[in-house]
Amino acid sequence: MDGEERLPINQDPPIISQYYYTATSYLAQYGWFVLFGVVALYFLWKSALEPILTNLRQKSQLAAHKKYDASEIERRQAAMDAHRRRLQEEHDQKSAEHAAKQAALAEKRRQEKLEDWERHQSGQGYRSKVKKTVEEPPATLSTRPSNRSRLRDTDYSPLMGSDRSETSWRRERRGPSAGGG
């Protein structure tokens, strides 16, 4: 044995041995609590979380299948087309009503111009000097009577005070500064 070299002994690094001793002492003190905790987590996983996760996976697979399902795509496309058609019909109806109003207005203007021209030809003047009266809607109960007197003068400003008092304060006039700079 004298002529043989000794092989070095494989030693664990100190950090690993420290963690090993800490873990074993923790398990020695709290082993039963850890065991019961692991068993409780296992039953919780099996009874509550696993069914929820499988349900979510099935829904995502179904959604992915529906995304590429031809009948579902066709149904969605038909619904979109029906909605677009309904919106287009509403727009066409509104535009037809607007065009009819515009045509009626144009006809009314044309009639007024013809009447003005006929009046001009007969010597009554080109345009009517009498303004057309616009009928006002009848007064309702909610309108206030206009003959009520005001509580203050119309030129009253709460920031300035009233004109009657002679002891009103005014700030000094701002002028050029006296100092040089």
N, C-alpha and C. Protein backbone atom coordinates (compact mmCIF):
# COMPACT_ATOMS: atom_id res chain seq x y z
N MET A 1 0.79 -1.18 0.00
CA MET A 1 0.00 0.00 0.00
C MET A 1 0.84 1.25 0.00
N ASP A 2 2.07 1.06 0.25
CA ASP A 2 2.91 2.24 0.30
C ASP A 2 3.09 2.84 -1.08
N GLY A 3 3.15 2.05 -2.08
CA GLY A 3 3.40 2.57 -3.41
C GLY A 3 2.15 3.07 -4.10
N GLU A 4 1.00 2.79 -3.57
CA GLU A 4 -0.23 3.22 -4.23
C GLU A 4 -0.64 4.59 -3.75
N GLU A 5 -1.20 5.30 -4.67
CA GLU A 5 -1.73 6.61 -4.28
C GLU A 5 -3.13 6.44 -3.77
N ARG A 6 -3.44 7.25 -2.83
CA ARG A 6 -4.79 7.20 -2.29
C ARG A 6 -5.70 8.06 -3.14
N LEU A 7 -6.87 7.55 -3.40
CA LEU A 7 -7.87 8.32 -4.14
C LEU A 7 -8.53 9.30 -3.19
N PRO A 8 -8.83 10.55 -3.69
CA PRO A 8 -9.46 11.52 -2.77
C PRO A 8 -10.87 11.09 -2.44
N ILE A 9 -11.27 11.38 -1.24
CA ILE A 9 -12.61 11.04 -0.77
C ILE A 9 -13.55 12.12 -1.29
N ASN A 10 -14.66 11.69 -1.82
CA ASN A 10 -15.65 12.63 -2.37
C ASN A 10 -16.40 13.26 -1.21
N GLN A 11 -16.25 14.57 -1.05
CA GLN A 11 -16.91 15.26 0.04
C GLN A 11 -18.01 16.16 -0.54
N ASP A 12 -19.08 16.24 0.23
CA ASP A 12 -20.18 17.13 -0.20
C ASP A 12 -19.80 18.57 0.10
N PRO A 13 -20.24 19.49 -0.75
CA PRO A 13 -19.99 20.90 -0.44
C PRO A 13 -20.74 21.28 0.83
N PRO A 14 -20.27 22.25 1.58
CA PRO A 14 -20.91 22.57 2.86
C PRO A 14 -22.34 23.09 2.71
N ILE A 15 -22.66 23.76 1.62
CA ILE A 15 -24.02 24.30 1.48
C ILE A 15 -25.04 23.19 1.32
N ILE A 16 -24.66 22.15 0.59
CA ILE A 16 -25.58 21.03 0.39
C ILE A 16 -25.78 20.28 1.69
N SER A 17 -24.72 20.06 2.43
CA SER A 17 -24.88 19.36 3.70
C SER A 17 -25.69 20.20 4.68
N GLN A 18 -25.54 21.53 4.62
CA GLN A 18 -26.32 22.40 5.51
C GLN A 18 -27.82 22.29 5.18
N TYR A 19 -28.15 22.31 3.88
CA TYR A 19 -29.56 22.17 3.48
C TYR A 19 -30.11 20.80 3.86
N TYR A 20 -29.30 19.78 3.73
CA TYR A 20 -29.73 18.42 4.07
C TYR A 20 -30.05 18.33 5.56
N TYR A 21 -29.19 18.87 6.39
CA TYR A 21 -29.43 18.80 7.84
C TYR A 21 -30.62 19.67 8.24
N THR A 22 -30.81 20.80 7.58
CA THR A 22 -31.96 21.65 7.89
C THR A 22 -33.26 20.94 7.51
N ALA A 23 -33.28 20.30 6.33
CA ALA A 23 -34.49 19.61 5.88
C ALA A 23 -34.81 18.43 6.78
N THR A 24 -33.81 17.66 7.15
CA THR A 24 -34.08 16.50 8.00
C THR A 24 -34.53 16.92 9.39
N SER A 25 -33.97 18.01 9.93
CA SER A 25 -34.41 18.45 11.26
C SER A 25 -35.84 19.00 11.18
N TYR A 26 -36.18 19.68 10.06
CA TYR A 26 -37.54 20.20 9.88
C TYR A 26 -38.54 19.04 9.80
N LEU A 27 -38.21 18.00 9.04
CA LEU A 27 -39.09 16.85 8.93
C LEU A 27 -39.18 16.10 10.26
N ALA A 28 -38.11 16.09 11.03
CA ALA A 28 -38.15 15.42 12.33
C ALA A 28 -39.11 16.14 13.27
N GLN A 29 -39.14 17.48 13.17
CA GLN A 29 -40.03 18.23 14.06
C GLN A 29 -41.46 18.26 13.54
N TYR A 30 -41.64 18.49 12.24
CA TYR A 30 -42.98 18.72 11.69
C TYR A 30 -43.39 17.67 10.67
N GLY A 31 -42.91 16.48 10.74
CA GLY A 31 -43.15 15.44 9.74
C GLY A 31 -44.61 15.09 9.57
N TRP A 32 -45.32 14.91 10.68
CA TRP A 32 -46.73 14.54 10.58
C TRP A 32 -47.55 15.67 9.97
N PHE A 33 -47.23 16.91 10.30
CA PHE A 33 -47.95 18.05 9.71
C PHE A 33 -47.71 18.12 8.20
N VAL A 34 -46.50 17.86 7.79
CA VAL A 34 -46.18 17.88 6.35
C VAL A 34 -46.94 16.76 5.65
N LEU A 35 -46.95 15.56 6.27
CA LEU A 35 -47.66 14.43 5.67
C LEU A 35 -49.15 14.73 5.53
N PHE A 36 -49.78 15.25 6.59
CA PHE A 36 -51.21 15.59 6.52
C PHE A 36 -51.46 16.71 5.50
N GLY A 37 -50.57 17.65 5.41
CA GLY A 37 -50.72 18.74 4.43
C GLY A 37 -50.65 18.22 3.00
N VAL A 38 -49.73 17.30 2.73
CA VAL A 38 -49.61 16.73 1.39
C VAL A 38 -50.86 15.92 1.04
N VAL A 39 -51.36 15.14 1.99
CA VAL A 39 -52.57 14.35 1.76
C VAL A 39 -53.77 15.28 1.52
N ALA A 40 -53.88 16.37 2.29
CA ALA A 40 -54.98 17.32 2.11
C ALA A 40 -54.89 17.99 0.74
N LEU A 41 -53.70 18.37 0.33
CA LEU A 41 -53.53 18.98 -1.00
C LEU A 41 -53.90 18.01 -2.12
N TYR A 42 -53.56 16.72 -1.93
CA TYR A 42 -53.90 15.72 -2.93
C TYR A 42 -55.42 15.59 -3.06
N PHE A 43 -56.13 15.49 -1.93
CA PHE A 43 -57.60 15.37 -1.99
C PHE A 43 -58.24 16.65 -2.54
N LEU A 44 -57.68 17.80 -2.19
CA LEU A 44 -58.18 19.07 -2.74
C LEU A 44 -58.00 19.10 -4.25
N TRP A 45 -56.86 18.64 -4.71
CA TRP A 45 -56.60 18.61 -6.15
C TRP A 45 -57.58 17.68 -6.86
N LYS A 46 -57.77 16.48 -6.29
CA LYS A 46 -58.64 15.51 -6.94
C LYS A 46 -60.10 15.91 -6.90
N SER A 47 -60.56 16.52 -5.81
CA SER A 47 -61.99 16.80 -5.67
C SER A 47 -62.40 18.14 -6.27
N ALA A 48 -61.55 19.15 -6.24
CA ALA A 48 -61.99 20.48 -6.66
C ALA A 48 -61.26 20.98 -7.90
N LEU A 49 -59.97 20.94 -7.90
CA LEU A 49 -59.22 21.59 -8.97
C LEU A 49 -59.15 20.80 -10.27
N GLU A 50 -58.99 19.50 -10.16
CA GLU A 50 -58.87 18.69 -11.38
C GLU A 50 -60.15 18.73 -12.22
N PRO A 51 -61.37 18.61 -11.64
CA PRO A 51 -62.57 18.71 -12.48
C PRO A 51 -62.72 20.09 -13.15
N ILE A 52 -62.33 21.12 -12.44
CA ILE A 52 -62.42 22.46 -13.04
C ILE A 52 -61.46 22.57 -14.22
N LEU A 53 -60.25 22.07 -14.05
CA LEU A 53 -59.27 22.15 -15.14
C LEU A 53 -59.68 21.30 -16.34
N THR A 54 -60.23 20.10 -16.09
CA THR A 54 -60.68 19.28 -17.21
C THR A 54 -61.85 19.94 -17.93
N ASN A 55 -62.74 20.58 -17.17
CA ASN A 55 -63.86 21.30 -17.78
C ASN A 55 -63.35 22.45 -18.65
N LEU A 56 -62.37 23.18 -18.17
CA LEU A 56 -61.80 24.27 -18.97
C LEU A 56 -61.12 23.76 -20.23
N ARG A 57 -60.42 22.63 -20.11
CA ARG A 57 -59.78 22.05 -21.30
C ARG A 57 -60.82 21.61 -22.33
N GLN A 58 -61.91 21.00 -21.86
CA GLN A 58 -62.96 20.57 -22.78
C GLN A 58 -63.61 21.78 -23.46
N LYS A 59 -63.84 22.85 -22.70
CA LYS A 59 -64.44 24.05 -23.30
C LYS A 59 -63.52 24.67 -24.35
N SER A 60 -62.23 24.71 -24.06
CA SER A 60 -61.31 25.28 -25.04
C SER A 60 -61.22 24.41 -26.29
N GLN A 61 -61.26 23.09 -26.11
CA GLN A 61 -61.26 22.20 -27.28
C GLN A 61 -62.54 22.36 -28.08
N LEU A 62 -63.67 22.50 -27.39
CA LEU A 62 -64.94 22.70 -28.08
C LEU A 62 -64.96 24.03 -28.83
N ALA A 63 -64.41 25.08 -28.19
CA ALA A 63 -64.35 26.39 -28.84
C ALA A 63 -63.45 26.33 -30.07
N ALA A 64 -62.34 25.62 -29.97
CA ALA A 64 -61.44 25.48 -31.11
C ALA A 64 -62.13 24.69 -32.22
N HIS A 65 -62.90 23.69 -31.84
CA HIS A 65 -63.63 22.90 -32.85
C HIS A 65 -64.71 23.75 -33.50
N LYS A 66 -65.43 24.53 -32.69
CA LYS A 66 -66.48 25.38 -33.24
C LYS A 66 -65.92 26.46 -34.15
N LYS A 67 -64.70 26.89 -33.82
CA LYS A 67 -64.08 27.96 -34.60
C LYS A 67 -63.93 27.52 -36.06
N TYR A 68 -63.66 26.27 -36.27
CA TYR A 68 -63.46 25.76 -37.62
C TYR A 68 -64.61 24.89 -38.11
N ASP A 69 -65.70 24.85 -37.36
CA ASP A 69 -66.86 24.06 -37.76
C ASP A 69 -67.60 24.80 -38.86
N ALA A 70 -67.85 24.13 -39.97
CA ALA A 70 -68.45 24.78 -41.14
C ALA A 70 -69.88 25.24 -40.87
N SER A 71 -70.65 24.46 -40.16
CA SER A 71 -72.04 24.84 -39.91
C SER A 71 -72.11 26.05 -38.99
N GLU A 72 -71.22 26.11 -38.02
CA GLU A 72 -71.20 27.28 -37.11
C GLU A 72 -70.78 28.54 -37.86
N ILE A 73 -69.77 28.41 -38.71
CA ILE A 73 -69.34 29.56 -39.51
C ILE A 73 -70.46 30.02 -40.43
N GLU A 74 -71.14 29.06 -41.04
CA GLU A 74 -72.25 29.41 -41.95
C GLU A 74 -73.38 30.10 -41.19
N ARG A 75 -73.69 29.63 -40.00
CA ARG A 75 -74.75 30.24 -39.20
C ARG A 75 -74.38 31.68 -38.80
N ARG A 76 -73.12 31.86 -38.36
CA ARG A 76 -72.67 33.22 -38.00
C ARG A 76 -72.69 34.15 -39.20
N GLN A 77 -72.27 33.63 -40.35
CA GLN A 77 -72.26 34.45 -41.57
C GLN A 77 -73.67 34.83 -41.98
N ALA A 78 -74.62 33.91 -41.85
CA ALA A 78 -76.01 34.21 -42.19
C ALA A 78 -76.58 35.26 -41.24
N ALA A 79 -76.24 35.16 -39.96
CA ALA A 79 -76.72 36.17 -38.99
C ALA A 79 -76.13 37.54 -39.30
N MET A 80 -74.85 37.58 -39.66
CA MET A 80 -74.23 38.87 -40.01
C MET A 80 -74.86 39.45 -41.27
N ASP A 81 -75.12 38.60 -42.26
CA ASP A 81 -75.74 39.08 -43.49
C ASP A 81 -77.14 39.63 -43.23
N ALA A 82 -77.90 38.93 -42.38
CA ALA A 82 -79.26 39.41 -42.05
C ALA A 82 -79.19 40.75 -41.33
N HIS A 83 -78.25 40.89 -40.43
CA HIS A 83 -78.10 42.16 -39.71
C HIS A 83 -77.69 43.28 -40.66
N ARG A 84 -76.75 43.00 -41.55
CA ARG A 84 -76.33 44.01 -42.53
C ARG A 84 -77.49 44.40 -43.44
N ARG A 85 -78.28 43.40 -43.86
CA ARG A 85 -79.42 43.68 -44.73
C ARG A 85 -80.44 44.57 -44.01
N ARG A 86 -80.69 44.28 -42.74
CA ARG A 86 -81.64 45.10 -41.96
C ARG A 86 -81.12 46.54 -41.82
N LEU A 87 -79.83 46.68 -41.53
CA LEU A 87 -79.27 48.03 -41.41
C LEU A 87 -79.34 48.77 -42.75
N GLN A 88 -79.08 48.06 -43.84
CA GLN A 88 -79.14 48.69 -45.16
C GLN A 88 -80.57 49.12 -45.48
N GLU A 89 -81.55 48.31 -45.13
CA GLU A 89 -82.95 48.68 -45.37
C GLU A 89 -83.33 49.91 -44.56
N GLU A 90 -82.88 49.98 -43.30
CA GLU A 90 -83.15 51.17 -42.49
C GLU A 90 -82.52 52.40 -43.11
N HIS A 91 -81.28 52.25 -43.58
CA HIS A 91 -80.59 53.38 -44.20
C HIS A 91 -81.29 53.81 -45.49
N ASP A 92 -81.71 52.85 -46.29
CA ASP A 92 -82.42 53.19 -47.53
C ASP A 92 -83.72 53.91 -47.23
N GLN A 93 -84.44 53.46 -46.22
CA GLN A 93 -85.71 54.10 -45.85
C GLN A 93 -85.47 55.53 -45.38
N LYS A 94 -84.47 55.73 -44.55
CA LYS A 94 -84.18 57.09 -44.06
C LYS A 94 -83.73 57.99 -45.20
N SER A 95 -82.92 57.46 -46.12
CA SER A 95 -82.46 58.29 -47.23
C SER A 95 -83.61 58.63 -48.17
N ALA A 96 -84.56 57.70 -48.36
CA ALA A 96 -85.73 57.99 -49.19
C ALA A 96 -86.59 59.07 -48.56
N GLU A 97 -86.77 58.99 -47.21
CA GLU A 97 -87.53 60.04 -46.52
C GLU A 97 -86.84 61.39 -46.65
N HIS A 98 -85.52 61.39 -46.50
CA HIS A 98 -84.77 62.64 -46.62
C HIS A 98 -84.87 63.21 -48.04
N ALA A 99 -84.77 62.33 -49.03
CA ALA A 99 -84.87 62.79 -50.42
C ALA A 99 -86.27 63.36 -50.69
N ALA A 100 -87.31 62.74 -50.13
CA ALA A 100 -88.67 63.27 -50.32
C ALA A 100 -88.80 64.64 -49.66
N LYS A 101 -88.23 64.82 -48.47
CA LYS A 101 -88.27 66.13 -47.81
C LYS A 101 -87.53 67.17 -48.63
N GLN A 102 -86.37 66.80 -49.15
CA GLN A 102 -85.59 67.74 -49.96
C GLN A 102 -86.34 68.10 -51.24
N ALA A 103 -87.01 67.13 -51.86
CA ALA A 103 -87.78 67.41 -53.07
C ALA A 103 -88.95 68.34 -52.74
N ALA A 104 -89.62 68.11 -51.62
CA ALA A 104 -90.73 68.99 -51.22
C ALA A 104 -90.23 70.40 -50.96
N LEU A 105 -89.09 70.54 -50.30
CA LEU A 105 -88.52 71.86 -50.06
C LEU A 105 -88.15 72.55 -51.37
N ALA A 106 -87.54 71.80 -52.30
CA ALA A 106 -87.17 72.38 -53.59
C ALA A 106 -88.43 72.82 -54.36
N GLU A 107 -89.48 72.02 -54.30
CA GLU A 107 -90.73 72.39 -54.97
C GLU A 107 -91.34 73.63 -54.34
N LYS A 108 -91.28 73.74 -53.02
CA LYS A 108 -91.82 74.90 -52.32
C LYS A 108 -91.04 76.15 -52.71
N ARG A 109 -89.70 76.04 -52.76
CA ARG A 109 -88.87 77.19 -53.18
C ARG A 109 -89.19 77.58 -54.62
N ARG A 110 -89.37 76.59 -55.48
CA ARG A 110 -89.67 76.88 -56.88
C ARG A 110 -91.01 77.59 -57.00
N GLN A 111 -92.01 77.14 -56.22
CA GLN A 111 -93.32 77.79 -56.24
C GLN A 111 -93.21 79.24 -55.75
N GLU A 112 -92.41 79.46 -54.69
CA GLU A 112 -92.24 80.81 -54.18
C GLU A 112 -91.58 81.70 -55.23
N LYS A 113 -90.58 81.17 -55.91
CA LYS A 113 -89.92 81.96 -56.96
C LYS A 113 -90.90 82.29 -58.09
N LEU A 114 -91.74 81.30 -58.45
CA LEU A 114 -92.73 81.56 -59.51
C LEU A 114 -93.71 82.64 -59.07
N GLU A 115 -94.18 82.56 -57.83
CA GLU A 115 -95.11 83.58 -57.32
C GLU A 115 -94.44 84.95 -57.31
N ASP A 116 -93.17 84.99 -56.88
CA ASP A 116 -92.46 86.26 -56.89
C ASP A 116 -92.33 86.80 -58.31
N TRP A 117 -92.04 85.94 -59.25
CA TRP A 117 -91.90 86.39 -60.65
C TRP A 117 -93.24 86.88 -61.20
N GLU A 118 -94.31 86.15 -60.89
CA GLU A 118 -95.64 86.58 -61.36
C GLU A 118 -96.02 87.91 -60.73
N ARG A 119 -95.72 88.11 -59.44
CA ARG A 119 -95.98 89.41 -58.80
C ARG A 119 -95.17 90.50 -59.47
N HIS A 120 -93.95 90.20 -59.81
CA HIS A 120 -93.08 91.17 -60.48
C HIS A 120 -93.64 91.53 -61.86
N GLN A 121 -94.14 90.53 -62.57
CA GLN A 121 -94.71 90.76 -63.90
C GLN A 121 -95.98 91.58 -63.82
N SER A 122 -96.77 91.37 -62.76
CA SER A 122 -98.02 92.12 -62.64
C SER A 122 -97.81 93.50 -62.02
N GLY A 123 -96.58 93.82 -61.62
CA GLY A 123 -96.29 95.15 -61.10
C GLY A 123 -96.45 95.29 -59.61
N GLN A 124 -96.58 94.20 -58.89
CA GLN A 124 -96.75 94.28 -57.45
C GLN A 124 -95.41 94.26 -56.71
N GLY A 125 -94.32 94.13 -57.37
CA GLY A 125 -93.01 94.09 -56.73
C GLY A 125 -92.43 92.69 -56.82
N TYR A 126 -91.12 92.68 -56.78
CA TYR A 126 -90.46 91.40 -56.98
C TYR A 126 -90.59 90.51 -55.75
N ARG A 127 -90.32 91.07 -54.58
CA ARG A 127 -90.43 90.29 -53.35
C ARG A 127 -91.50 90.88 -52.47
N SER A 128 -92.10 90.05 -51.68
CA SER A 128 -93.12 90.54 -50.75
C SER A 128 -92.44 91.27 -49.61
N LYS A 129 -92.90 92.47 -49.31
CA LYS A 129 -92.29 93.25 -48.24
C LYS A 129 -92.85 92.84 -46.88
N VAL A 130 -93.96 92.15 -46.88
CA VAL A 130 -94.58 91.72 -45.63
C VAL A 130 -93.91 90.43 -45.18
N LYS A 131 -93.42 90.47 -43.96
CA LYS A 131 -92.79 89.27 -43.41
C LYS A 131 -93.88 88.25 -43.09
N LYS A 132 -93.58 87.02 -43.36
CA LYS A 132 -94.53 85.97 -43.04
C LYS A 132 -94.51 85.77 -41.53
N THR A 133 -95.68 85.70 -40.94
CA THR A 133 -95.76 85.53 -39.49
C THR A 133 -95.63 84.06 -39.15
N VAL A 134 -94.83 83.83 -38.17
CA VAL A 134 -94.64 82.47 -37.68
C VAL A 134 -95.50 82.33 -36.44
N GLU A 135 -96.36 81.35 -36.46
CA GLU A 135 -97.24 81.14 -35.32
C GLU A 135 -96.43 80.63 -34.14
N GLU A 136 -96.60 81.30 -33.00
CA GLU A 136 -95.91 80.85 -31.80
C GLU A 136 -96.78 79.81 -31.10
N PRO A 137 -96.15 78.85 -30.47
CA PRO A 137 -96.95 77.85 -29.76
C PRO A 137 -97.66 78.52 -28.58
N PRO A 138 -98.82 78.03 -28.21
CA PRO A 138 -99.54 78.64 -27.09
C PRO A 138 -98.74 78.51 -25.80
N ALA A 139 -98.89 79.51 -24.95
CA ALA A 139 -98.16 79.51 -23.68
C ALA A 139 -98.68 78.38 -22.79
N THR A 140 -97.76 77.75 -22.13
CA THR A 140 -98.14 76.64 -21.25
C THR A 140 -98.08 77.13 -19.81
N LEU A 141 -98.46 76.28 -18.92
CA LEU A 141 -98.47 76.64 -17.51
C LEU A 141 -97.06 76.74 -16.93
N SER A 142 -96.09 76.12 -17.59
CA SER A 142 -94.74 76.08 -17.03
C SER A 142 -93.97 77.36 -17.29
N THR A 143 -94.44 78.24 -18.17
CA THR A 143 -93.69 79.47 -18.43
C THR A 143 -93.91 80.44 -17.30
N ARG A 144 -92.88 81.21 -17.01
CA ARG A 144 -92.94 82.16 -15.91
C ARG A 144 -93.52 83.47 -16.42
N PRO A 145 -94.25 84.17 -15.59
CA PRO A 145 -94.74 85.48 -16.01
C PRO A 145 -93.57 86.47 -16.11
N SER A 146 -93.60 87.30 -17.15
CA SER A 146 -92.48 88.20 -17.39
C SER A 146 -92.62 89.52 -16.63
N ASN A 147 -93.72 89.77 -15.98
CA ASN A 147 -93.91 91.04 -15.29
C ASN A 147 -93.39 91.01 -13.86
N ARG A 148 -92.67 89.98 -13.50
CA ARG A 148 -92.12 89.91 -12.16
C ARG A 148 -90.99 90.90 -11.99
N SER A 149 -90.93 91.57 -10.87
CA SER A 149 -89.85 92.53 -10.66
C SER A 149 -88.62 91.78 -10.16
N ARG A 150 -87.46 92.34 -10.48
CA ARG A 150 -86.21 91.72 -10.07
C ARG A 150 -85.89 92.13 -8.64
N LEU A 151 -85.17 91.25 -7.95
CA LEU A 151 -84.79 91.54 -6.58
C LEU A 151 -83.60 92.50 -6.51
N ARG A 152 -82.74 92.45 -7.54
CA ARG A 152 -81.56 93.31 -7.57
C ARG A 152 -81.54 94.09 -8.87
N ASP A 153 -80.68 95.09 -8.90
CA ASP A 153 -80.47 95.82 -10.14
C ASP A 153 -79.76 94.90 -11.12
N THR A 154 -79.88 95.21 -12.39
CA THR A 154 -79.26 94.36 -13.39
C THR A 154 -77.76 94.54 -13.43
N ASP A 155 -77.24 95.68 -12.93
CA ASP A 155 -75.81 95.91 -12.96
C ASP A 155 -75.13 95.46 -11.67
N TYR A 156 -75.83 94.71 -10.82
CA TYR A 156 -75.28 94.26 -9.56
C TYR A 156 -74.27 93.14 -9.80
N SER A 157 -73.11 93.25 -9.15
CA SER A 157 -72.12 92.19 -9.20
C SER A 157 -71.73 91.85 -7.78
N PRO A 158 -71.86 90.63 -7.34
CA PRO A 158 -71.54 90.30 -5.95
C PRO A 158 -70.07 90.49 -5.62
N LEU A 159 -69.20 90.49 -6.62
CA LEU A 159 -67.79 90.69 -6.35
C LEU A 159 -67.45 92.15 -6.11
N MET A 160 -68.21 93.06 -6.70
CA MET A 160 -67.93 94.49 -6.58
C MET A 160 -68.72 95.16 -5.47
N GLY A 161 -69.77 94.55 -5.02
CA GLY A 161 -70.59 95.19 -4.00
C GLY A 161 -71.60 96.11 -4.66
N SER A 162 -72.35 96.79 -3.86
CA SER A 162 -73.36 97.68 -4.43
C SER A 162 -72.76 99.06 -4.67
N ASP A 163 -73.41 99.89 -5.51
CA ASP A 163 -72.93 101.23 -5.81
C ASP A 163 -73.27 102.21 -4.71
N ARG A 164 -74.14 101.86 -3.81
CA ARG A 164 -74.61 102.79 -2.79
C ARG A 164 -73.58 103.01 -1.68
N SER A 165 -72.74 102.05 -1.41
CA SER A 165 -71.84 102.19 -0.28
C SER A 165 -70.64 103.04 -0.68
N GLU A 166 -70.23 103.92 0.20
CA GLU A 166 -69.10 104.80 -0.08
C GLU A 166 -67.82 104.25 0.50
N THR A 167 -67.88 103.20 1.24
CA THR A 167 -66.69 102.66 1.90
C THR A 167 -66.16 101.44 1.16
N SER A 168 -66.32 101.41 -0.13
CA SER A 168 -65.83 100.25 -0.88
C SER A 168 -64.32 100.36 -1.03
N TRP A 169 -63.65 99.22 -0.98
CA TRP A 169 -62.20 99.19 -1.10
C TRP A 169 -61.82 98.85 -2.52
N ARG A 170 -60.82 99.54 -3.03
CA ARG A 170 -60.27 99.22 -4.34
C ARG A 170 -58.77 99.09 -4.21
N ARG A 171 -58.21 98.18 -4.95
CA ARG A 171 -56.77 98.00 -4.86
C ARG A 171 -56.06 99.16 -5.55
N GLU A 172 -54.79 99.30 -5.24
CA GLU A 172 -54.03 100.40 -5.82
C GLU A 172 -53.81 100.15 -7.30
N ARG A 173 -53.64 101.22 -7.99
CA ARG A 173 -53.39 101.16 -9.44
C ARG A 173 -51.99 100.58 -9.66
N ARG A 174 -51.90 99.72 -10.61
CA ARG A 174 -50.61 99.12 -10.92
C ARG A 174 -49.91 100.02 -11.91
N GLY A 175 -48.79 100.45 -11.56
CA GLY A 175 -48.05 101.32 -12.47
C GLY A 175 -46.63 100.82 -12.62
N PRO A 176 -45.83 101.62 -13.26
CA PRO A 176 -44.43 101.20 -13.40
C PRO A 176 -43.75 101.18 -12.05
N SER A 177 -42.84 100.26 -11.89
CA SER A 177 -42.17 100.13 -10.60
C SER A 177 -41.22 101.30 -10.40
N ALA A 178 -41.01 101.64 -9.14
CA ALA A 178 -40.18 102.79 -8.84
C ALA A 178 -38.70 102.42 -8.84
N GLY A 179 -38.39 101.20 -8.58
CA GLY A 179 -36.99 100.82 -8.48
C GLY A 179 -36.39 100.47 -9.83
N GLY A 180 -35.11 100.47 -9.90
CA GLY A 180 -34.43 100.10 -11.13
C GLY A 180 -33.88 98.71 -11.02
N GLY A 181 -33.46 98.18 -12.10
CA GLY A 181 -33.00 96.85 -11.96
C GLY A 181 -32.02 96.41 -12.88
